[in-house]
Protein backbone atom coordinates (compact mmCIF):
# COMPACT_ATOMS: atom_id res chain seq x y z
CA MET A 1 0.00 0.00 0.00
CA ILE A 2 1.30 3.45 -0.91
CA THR A 3 0.50 6.33 1.44
CA SER A 4 1.09 10.08 1.68
CA ARG A 5 0.41 12.63 4.40
CA LEU A 6 -1.96 15.61 4.20
CA THR A 7 -0.52 18.98 5.30
CA SER A 8 -2.36 21.63 7.32
CA LYS A 9 -3.04 23.38 3.98
CA ALA A 10 -4.75 20.26 2.57
CA GLN A 11 -1.80 19.49 0.28
CA THR A 12 -0.03 16.21 -0.33
CA THR A 13 2.84 14.91 -2.43
CA ILE A 14 1.92 12.28 -4.99
CA PRO A 15 4.28 9.39 -4.22
CA GLN A 16 6.89 8.57 -6.87
CA PRO A 17 5.47 5.10 -7.72
CA VAL A 18 2.10 6.74 -8.48
CA ARG A 19 3.72 9.50 -10.56
CA ALA A 20 5.64 6.86 -12.50
CA ALA A 21 2.57 4.66 -13.06
CA LEU A 22 0.59 7.62 -14.43
CA LYS A 23 3.63 9.03 -16.29
CA LEU A 24 3.03 12.40 -14.63
CA GLN A 25 5.13 15.45 -15.52
CA ASP A 26 5.21 19.04 -14.29
CA GLY A 27 2.05 20.86 -15.32
CA ASP A 28 -0.07 17.73 -15.88
CA GLU A 29 -3.67 17.97 -14.72
CA LEU A 30 -5.33 15.30 -12.60
CA ILE A 31 -8.89 14.03 -12.46
CA TYR A 32 -10.46 12.87 -9.19
CA GLU A 33 -13.50 10.59 -9.41
CA ILE A 34 -15.34 9.98 -6.14
CA GLU A 35 -17.05 6.58 -5.85
CA GLY A 36 -18.54 6.19 -2.40
CA GLU A 37 -15.60 6.10 0.01
CA ARG A 38 -13.04 5.63 -2.79
CA VAL A 39 -11.35 8.19 -4.98
CA LEU A 40 -9.85 7.34 -8.37
CA LEU A 41 -6.92 9.47 -9.48
CA LYS A 42 -6.32 9.76 -13.22
CA LYS A 43 -4.11 11.81 -15.49
CA ALA A 44 -6.23 14.20 -17.55
CA ARG A 45 -5.83 13.69 -21.29
CA LYS A 46 -4.95 16.74 -23.33
CA THR A 47 -7.17 17.44 -26.30
CA ALA A 48 -6.81 19.63 -29.35
CA ALA A 49 -8.98 22.19 -27.55
CA ASP A 50 -6.20 22.52 -24.93
CA ASP A 51 -3.77 23.75 -27.61
CA PRO A 52 -4.92 27.06 -29.10
CA PHE A 53 -2.56 26.60 -32.06
CA ALA A 54 -3.68 23.07 -32.96
CA THR A 55 -6.01 24.36 -35.67
CA PHE A 56 -3.33 26.40 -37.48
CA GLU A 57 -2.57 23.74 -40.07
CA GLU A 58 -1.11 26.27 -42.50
CA TRP A 59 2.00 26.43 -40.27
CA ASP A 60 2.41 22.68 -39.97
CA SER A 61 4.39 21.75 -43.05
CA GLU A 62 7.65 19.79 -43.05
CA ALA A 63 9.50 23.03 -43.93
CA ASP A 64 7.94 24.80 -40.93
CA ARG A 65 8.83 21.96 -38.56
CA LYS A 66 12.43 22.07 -39.81
CA ALA A 67 12.70 25.85 -39.63
CA TYR A 68 11.33 26.10 -36.09
CA ALA A 69 12.69 22.85 -34.62
CA GLY A 70 15.37 24.61 -32.58
CA LEU A 71 13.08 27.13 -30.88
């Protein structure tokens, strides 16, 4: 069983085995699903709506990717 402690500010550290299992990185969002007395923790999936530039296909050519690869 993996545990963590709650601080006085209602914060906790997600234990490393959990971060590894969910492949969490800085800035990732989490989803909490409450089922009775259980809570499921999931990594939120990013969608195209999360990226405001995802719809700019005119800047997504091979030449563009090459030109801006180092930025």
